[in-house]
N, C-alpha and C. Protein backbone atom coordinates (compact mmCIF):
# COMPACT_ATOMS: atom_id res chain seq x y z
N UNK A 1 36.02 4.15 -18.93
CA UNK A 1 35.99 3.34 -20.14
C UNK A 1 35.74 4.26 -21.34
N UNK A 2 36.53 4.08 -22.38
CA UNK A 2 36.37 4.85 -23.61
C UNK A 2 36.32 3.87 -24.77
N UNK A 3 35.34 4.03 -25.62
CA UNK A 3 35.27 3.23 -26.85
C UNK A 3 35.56 4.13 -28.03
N UNK A 4 36.38 3.66 -28.95
CA UNK A 4 36.86 4.46 -30.06
C UNK A 4 36.48 3.81 -31.38
N UNK A 5 36.01 4.62 -32.32
CA UNK A 5 35.64 4.12 -33.64
C UNK A 5 36.24 5.03 -34.69
N UNK A 6 37.14 4.47 -35.50
CA UNK A 6 37.77 5.25 -36.57
C UNK A 6 36.94 5.19 -37.85
N UNK A 7 37.07 6.21 -38.65
CA UNK A 7 36.43 6.25 -39.96
C UNK A 7 37.23 7.17 -40.88
N UNK A 8 36.92 7.11 -42.17
CA UNK A 8 37.56 8.01 -43.11
C UNK A 8 38.65 7.39 -43.96
N UNK A 9 38.97 6.13 -43.70
CA UNK A 9 39.97 5.47 -44.51
C UNK A 9 39.45 5.17 -45.90
N UNK A 10 40.35 4.72 -46.76
CA UNK A 10 39.94 4.38 -48.11
C UNK A 10 41.12 4.30 -49.04
N UNK A 11 40.81 4.31 -50.33
CA UNK A 11 41.83 4.24 -51.37
C UNK A 11 42.04 5.63 -51.95
N UNK A 12 43.30 6.05 -52.03
CA UNK A 12 43.62 7.37 -52.55
C UNK A 12 44.90 7.26 -53.38
N UNK A 13 45.02 8.12 -54.36
CA UNK A 13 46.24 8.14 -55.17
C UNK A 13 47.36 8.86 -54.45
N UNK A 14 48.57 8.49 -54.77
CA UNK A 14 49.73 9.16 -54.21
C UNK A 14 49.63 10.66 -54.47
N UNK A 15 49.97 11.44 -53.44
CA UNK A 15 49.84 12.88 -53.52
C UNK A 15 48.52 13.41 -53.03
N UNK A 16 47.57 12.52 -52.81
CA UNK A 16 46.25 12.91 -52.37
C UNK A 16 46.16 13.10 -50.87
N UNK A 17 44.94 13.34 -50.42
CA UNK A 17 44.68 13.63 -49.01
C UNK A 17 43.52 12.81 -48.48
N UNK A 18 43.54 12.57 -47.20
CA UNK A 18 42.43 11.94 -46.49
C UNK A 18 42.36 12.56 -45.10
N UNK A 19 41.16 12.57 -44.54
CA UNK A 19 41.00 12.96 -43.14
C UNK A 19 40.35 11.81 -42.39
N UNK A 20 41.07 11.31 -41.42
CA UNK A 20 40.54 10.26 -40.55
C UNK A 20 39.87 10.89 -39.34
N UNK A 21 38.81 10.25 -38.90
CA UNK A 21 38.12 10.68 -37.68
C UNK A 21 38.11 9.53 -36.70
N UNK A 22 38.08 9.86 -35.44
CA UNK A 22 37.98 8.87 -34.38
C UNK A 22 36.96 9.39 -33.37
N UNK A 23 35.82 8.74 -33.35
CA UNK A 23 34.74 9.15 -32.44
C UNK A 23 34.84 8.35 -31.15
N UNK A 24 34.76 9.03 -30.05
CA UNK A 24 34.88 8.41 -28.74
C UNK A 24 33.57 8.45 -27.99
N UNK A 25 33.27 7.37 -27.29
CA UNK A 25 32.11 7.35 -26.41
C UNK A 25 32.58 7.67 -25.00
N UNK A 26 31.66 8.05 -24.16
CA UNK A 26 32.01 8.33 -22.78
C UNK A 26 32.15 9.82 -22.53
N UNK A 27 31.85 10.22 -21.31
CA UNK A 27 31.84 11.64 -20.97
C UNK A 27 33.20 12.17 -20.58
N UNK A 28 34.22 11.28 -20.51
CA UNK A 28 35.53 11.72 -20.04
C UNK A 28 36.54 11.84 -21.17
N UNK A 29 36.06 11.93 -22.40
CA UNK A 29 36.97 12.01 -23.56
C UNK A 29 37.97 13.14 -23.38
N UNK A 30 37.54 14.27 -22.89
CA UNK A 30 38.41 15.44 -22.79
C UNK A 30 39.53 15.24 -21.78
N UNK A 31 39.46 14.19 -20.96
CA UNK A 31 40.50 13.94 -19.96
C UNK A 31 41.65 13.11 -20.53
N UNK A 32 41.50 12.60 -21.75
CA UNK A 32 42.48 11.70 -22.33
C UNK A 32 43.34 12.41 -23.37
N UNK A 33 44.63 12.11 -23.34
CA UNK A 33 45.46 12.39 -24.49
C UNK A 33 45.12 11.37 -25.57
N UNK A 34 45.21 11.79 -26.81
CA UNK A 34 44.84 10.92 -27.93
C UNK A 34 46.01 10.77 -28.89
N UNK A 35 46.11 9.60 -29.46
CA UNK A 35 47.19 9.34 -30.41
C UNK A 35 46.69 8.62 -31.64
N UNK A 36 47.46 8.73 -32.70
CA UNK A 36 47.22 7.97 -33.93
C UNK A 36 48.45 7.10 -34.20
N UNK A 37 48.18 5.87 -34.56
CA UNK A 37 49.22 4.91 -34.91
C UNK A 37 48.82 4.25 -36.22
N UNK A 38 49.76 3.53 -36.81
CA UNK A 38 49.43 2.73 -37.98
C UNK A 38 50.24 1.44 -37.96
N UNK A 39 49.73 0.47 -38.68
CA UNK A 39 50.44 -0.80 -38.77
C UNK A 39 50.28 -1.35 -40.17
N UNK A 40 51.40 -1.54 -40.82
CA UNK A 40 51.44 -2.14 -42.16
C UNK A 40 51.69 -3.63 -42.01
N UNK A 41 51.31 -4.42 -42.99
CA UNK A 41 51.52 -5.87 -42.90
C UNK A 41 52.99 -6.21 -42.65
N UNK A 42 53.20 -7.06 -41.65
CA UNK A 42 54.55 -7.50 -41.35
C UNK A 42 55.40 -6.51 -40.59
N UNK A 43 54.79 -5.39 -40.19
CA UNK A 43 55.55 -4.37 -39.47
C UNK A 43 54.93 -4.12 -38.10
N UNK A 44 55.73 -3.50 -37.23
CA UNK A 44 55.24 -3.15 -35.91
C UNK A 44 54.34 -1.92 -35.99
N UNK A 45 53.52 -1.78 -34.96
CA UNK A 45 52.66 -0.60 -34.89
C UNK A 45 53.54 0.64 -34.71
N UNK A 46 53.26 1.65 -35.50
CA UNK A 46 54.10 2.85 -35.57
C UNK A 46 53.36 4.07 -35.05
N UNK A 47 54.00 4.80 -34.17
CA UNK A 47 53.44 6.06 -33.68
C UNK A 47 53.45 7.10 -34.80
N UNK A 48 52.37 7.85 -34.88
CA UNK A 48 52.27 8.92 -35.87
C UNK A 48 52.16 10.30 -35.23
N UNK A 49 51.21 10.46 -34.32
CA UNK A 49 50.95 11.77 -33.74
C UNK A 49 50.17 11.60 -32.44
N UNK A 50 50.31 12.57 -31.56
CA UNK A 50 49.56 12.58 -30.32
C UNK A 50 49.21 14.02 -29.97
N UNK A 51 48.10 14.17 -29.25
CA UNK A 51 47.63 15.49 -28.88
C UNK A 51 47.15 15.45 -27.43
N UNK A 52 47.46 16.50 -26.70
CA UNK A 52 47.08 16.56 -25.29
C UNK A 52 45.58 16.77 -25.15
N UNK A 53 45.09 16.61 -23.90
CA UNK A 53 43.65 16.71 -23.67
C UNK A 53 43.11 18.09 -24.04
N UNK A 54 43.95 19.11 -23.88
CA UNK A 54 43.50 20.47 -24.17
C UNK A 54 43.79 20.90 -25.59
N UNK A 55 44.46 20.02 -26.35
CA UNK A 55 44.92 20.34 -27.71
C UNK A 55 46.03 21.38 -27.70
N UNK A 56 46.61 21.65 -26.53
CA UNK A 56 47.67 22.64 -26.47
C UNK A 56 49.02 22.13 -26.89
N UNK A 57 49.17 20.80 -26.90
CA UNK A 57 50.45 20.19 -27.26
C UNK A 57 50.21 19.05 -28.23
N UNK A 58 51.05 18.97 -29.24
CA UNK A 58 50.97 17.87 -30.21
C UNK A 58 52.37 17.42 -30.59
N UNK A 59 52.53 16.12 -30.79
CA UNK A 59 53.79 15.54 -31.23
C UNK A 59 53.56 14.78 -32.52
N UNK A 60 54.61 14.70 -33.34
CA UNK A 60 54.54 13.97 -34.59
C UNK A 60 55.78 13.12 -34.78
N UNK A 61 55.60 12.00 -35.45
CA UNK A 61 56.74 11.22 -35.90
C UNK A 61 57.41 11.95 -37.05
N UNK A 62 58.69 11.78 -37.17
CA UNK A 62 59.43 12.45 -38.25
C UNK A 62 58.89 12.04 -39.62
N UNK A 63 58.41 10.82 -39.71
CA UNK A 63 57.96 10.31 -41.00
C UNK A 63 56.71 11.02 -41.53
N UNK A 64 55.98 11.70 -40.65
CA UNK A 64 54.74 12.36 -41.08
C UNK A 64 54.73 13.86 -40.78
N UNK A 65 55.74 14.34 -40.11
CA UNK A 65 55.78 15.76 -39.74
C UNK A 65 55.72 16.62 -40.99
N UNK A 66 54.85 17.61 -40.97
CA UNK A 66 54.69 18.49 -42.12
C UNK A 66 53.66 17.99 -43.12
N UNK A 67 53.27 16.73 -43.01
CA UNK A 67 52.25 16.17 -43.93
C UNK A 67 50.95 15.86 -43.21
N UNK A 68 51.05 15.40 -41.95
CA UNK A 68 49.88 15.02 -41.17
C UNK A 68 49.65 16.04 -40.07
N UNK A 69 48.38 16.25 -39.74
CA UNK A 69 48.01 17.16 -38.66
C UNK A 69 46.96 16.49 -37.78
N UNK A 70 47.24 16.46 -36.48
CA UNK A 70 46.29 15.91 -35.52
C UNK A 70 45.53 17.06 -34.87
N UNK A 71 44.25 16.85 -34.65
CA UNK A 71 43.44 17.86 -33.97
C UNK A 71 42.33 17.14 -33.22
N UNK A 72 41.64 17.87 -32.36
CA UNK A 72 40.54 17.27 -31.61
C UNK A 72 39.47 18.30 -31.36
N UNK A 73 38.26 17.81 -31.22
CA UNK A 73 37.12 18.64 -30.86
C UNK A 73 36.46 17.96 -29.66
N UNK A 74 36.74 18.46 -28.49
CA UNK A 74 36.22 17.81 -27.28
C UNK A 74 34.70 17.92 -27.18
N UNK A 75 34.12 18.93 -27.78
CA UNK A 75 32.66 19.06 -27.77
C UNK A 75 32.00 17.95 -28.59
N UNK A 76 32.74 17.44 -29.58
CA UNK A 76 32.21 16.37 -30.43
C UNK A 76 32.81 15.02 -30.09
N UNK A 77 33.65 14.97 -29.06
CA UNK A 77 34.30 13.71 -28.66
C UNK A 77 35.01 13.07 -29.86
N UNK A 78 35.71 13.86 -30.61
CA UNK A 78 36.32 13.36 -31.83
C UNK A 78 37.75 13.89 -31.99
N UNK A 79 38.62 13.01 -32.45
CA UNK A 79 39.97 13.39 -32.80
C UNK A 79 40.16 13.11 -34.29
N UNK A 80 40.94 13.94 -34.94
CA UNK A 80 41.12 13.86 -36.38
C UNK A 80 42.59 13.69 -36.75
N UNK A 81 42.81 13.13 -37.91
CA UNK A 81 44.14 13.09 -38.50
C UNK A 81 44.02 13.50 -39.95
N UNK A 82 44.46 14.70 -40.25
CA UNK A 82 44.46 15.20 -41.62
C UNK A 82 45.76 14.74 -42.26
N UNK A 83 45.64 14.05 -43.40
CA UNK A 83 46.82 13.48 -44.06
C UNK A 83 46.92 14.03 -45.47
N UNK A 84 48.03 14.69 -45.74
CA UNK A 84 48.27 15.28 -47.06
C UNK A 84 49.52 14.68 -47.69
N UNK A 85 49.66 14.89 -48.99
CA UNK A 85 50.83 14.41 -49.72
C UNK A 85 51.10 12.93 -49.44
N UNK A 86 50.06 12.15 -49.54
CA UNK A 86 50.16 10.73 -49.18
C UNK A 86 51.08 9.98 -50.14
N UNK A 87 51.78 9.01 -49.57
CA UNK A 87 52.73 8.20 -50.32
C UNK A 87 52.31 6.73 -50.23
N UNK A 88 52.84 5.94 -51.14
CA UNK A 88 52.50 4.51 -51.12
C UNK A 88 52.89 3.89 -49.78
N UNK A 89 53.97 4.36 -49.20
CA UNK A 89 54.42 3.80 -47.91
C UNK A 89 53.55 4.20 -46.73
N UNK A 90 52.58 5.05 -46.96
CA UNK A 90 51.61 5.37 -45.91
C UNK A 90 50.49 4.33 -45.83
N UNK A 91 50.49 3.38 -46.75
CA UNK A 91 49.47 2.33 -46.74
C UNK A 91 49.58 1.49 -45.47
N UNK A 92 48.49 1.40 -44.73
CA UNK A 92 48.48 0.69 -43.45
C UNK A 92 47.07 0.73 -42.88
N UNK A 93 46.88 0.01 -41.79
CA UNK A 93 45.69 0.18 -40.96
C UNK A 93 46.01 1.25 -39.93
N UNK A 94 45.14 2.24 -39.82
CA UNK A 94 45.34 3.37 -38.92
C UNK A 94 44.45 3.23 -37.70
N UNK A 95 45.05 3.44 -36.53
CA UNK A 95 44.35 3.28 -35.26
C UNK A 95 44.42 4.58 -34.46
N UNK A 96 43.34 4.88 -33.76
CA UNK A 96 43.43 5.91 -32.74
C UNK A 96 43.45 5.23 -31.38
N UNK A 97 43.97 5.95 -30.40
CA UNK A 97 44.12 5.40 -29.06
C UNK A 97 44.02 6.51 -28.04
N UNK A 98 43.64 6.13 -26.83
CA UNK A 98 43.45 7.09 -25.73
C UNK A 98 44.36 6.73 -24.57
N UNK A 99 44.98 7.74 -24.00
CA UNK A 99 45.90 7.56 -22.87
C UNK A 99 45.47 8.46 -21.72
N UNK A 100 45.16 7.85 -20.58
CA UNK A 100 44.66 8.61 -19.43
C UNK A 100 45.75 9.39 -18.72
N UNK A 101 46.98 8.84 -18.71
CA UNK A 101 48.00 9.38 -17.82
C UNK A 101 49.06 10.25 -18.50
N UNK A 102 49.30 10.04 -19.78
CA UNK A 102 50.45 10.73 -20.36
C UNK A 102 50.23 11.00 -21.83
N UNK A 103 51.04 11.86 -22.38
CA UNK A 103 51.04 12.15 -23.82
C UNK A 103 52.26 11.46 -24.39
N UNK A 104 52.06 10.21 -24.82
CA UNK A 104 53.21 9.38 -25.15
C UNK A 104 53.31 9.00 -26.60
N UNK A 105 54.46 8.43 -26.93
CA UNK A 105 54.72 7.95 -28.28
C UNK A 105 54.71 6.42 -28.34
N UNK A 106 54.65 5.79 -27.19
CA UNK A 106 54.71 4.34 -27.13
C UNK A 106 53.30 3.76 -27.11
N UNK A 107 53.07 2.78 -27.98
CA UNK A 107 51.76 2.14 -28.01
C UNK A 107 51.42 1.49 -26.67
N UNK A 108 52.45 1.05 -25.96
CA UNK A 108 52.22 0.35 -24.70
C UNK A 108 51.59 1.24 -23.64
N UNK A 109 51.71 2.54 -23.77
CA UNK A 109 51.19 3.44 -22.74
C UNK A 109 49.72 3.78 -22.94
N UNK A 110 49.15 3.42 -24.08
CA UNK A 110 47.77 3.78 -24.36
C UNK A 110 46.81 2.74 -23.80
N UNK A 111 45.69 3.25 -23.30
CA UNK A 111 44.76 2.40 -22.56
C UNK A 111 43.65 1.82 -23.43
N UNK A 112 43.21 2.57 -24.42
CA UNK A 112 42.08 2.15 -25.24
C UNK A 112 42.43 2.34 -26.71
N UNK A 113 41.90 1.42 -27.53
CA UNK A 113 42.19 1.42 -28.96
C UNK A 113 40.92 1.24 -29.76
N UNK A 114 40.91 1.85 -30.94
CA UNK A 114 39.85 1.58 -31.89
C UNK A 114 40.16 0.34 -32.70
N UNK A 115 39.25 0.00 -33.60
CA UNK A 115 39.40 -1.23 -34.38
C UNK A 115 40.25 -1.01 -35.63
N UNK A 116 40.50 0.23 -35.98
CA UNK A 116 41.35 0.54 -37.12
C UNK A 116 40.57 0.82 -38.39
N UNK A 117 41.17 1.60 -39.27
CA UNK A 117 40.60 1.88 -40.59
C UNK A 117 41.71 1.78 -41.62
N UNK A 118 41.41 1.12 -42.73
CA UNK A 118 42.42 0.86 -43.75
C UNK A 118 42.63 2.09 -44.63
N UNK A 119 43.89 2.43 -44.83
CA UNK A 119 44.27 3.48 -45.78
C UNK A 119 45.18 2.83 -46.82
N UNK A 120 44.80 2.95 -48.08
CA UNK A 120 45.60 2.40 -49.15
C UNK A 120 45.94 3.52 -50.13
N UNK A 121 47.23 3.71 -50.37
CA UNK A 121 47.70 4.75 -51.27
C UNK A 121 48.28 4.08 -52.51
N UNK A 122 47.70 4.36 -53.64
CA UNK A 122 48.18 3.76 -54.88
C UNK A 122 49.21 4.67 -55.53
N UNK A 123 50.24 4.06 -56.06
CA UNK A 123 51.33 4.85 -56.67
C UNK A 123 51.16 4.95 -58.18
């Protein structure tokens, strides 16, 4: 069982930056691949980035590649999403998720989810 709590969301101007954190409970955090997703009103949940348990592999959606960076610190049971050059279309609720079996892009493959943190980008 893994419990996830996101933080770091807020209101930022277009072109600005934010760093989201996702703190995990449980001693097996390092065994999970971790992902970040977002969901805007009226839209489906969108994959953003994923990182392997060892941090040796990371994937990004084309929409955020080059602007967002996923990282993790297994000693702190925390995964991060550094977001730069933010745009109004990045406005959404951002979620972290944990996947025991695979490093995937599909929300359906993730086993545990946080409650989400709101990111609002003003233009």
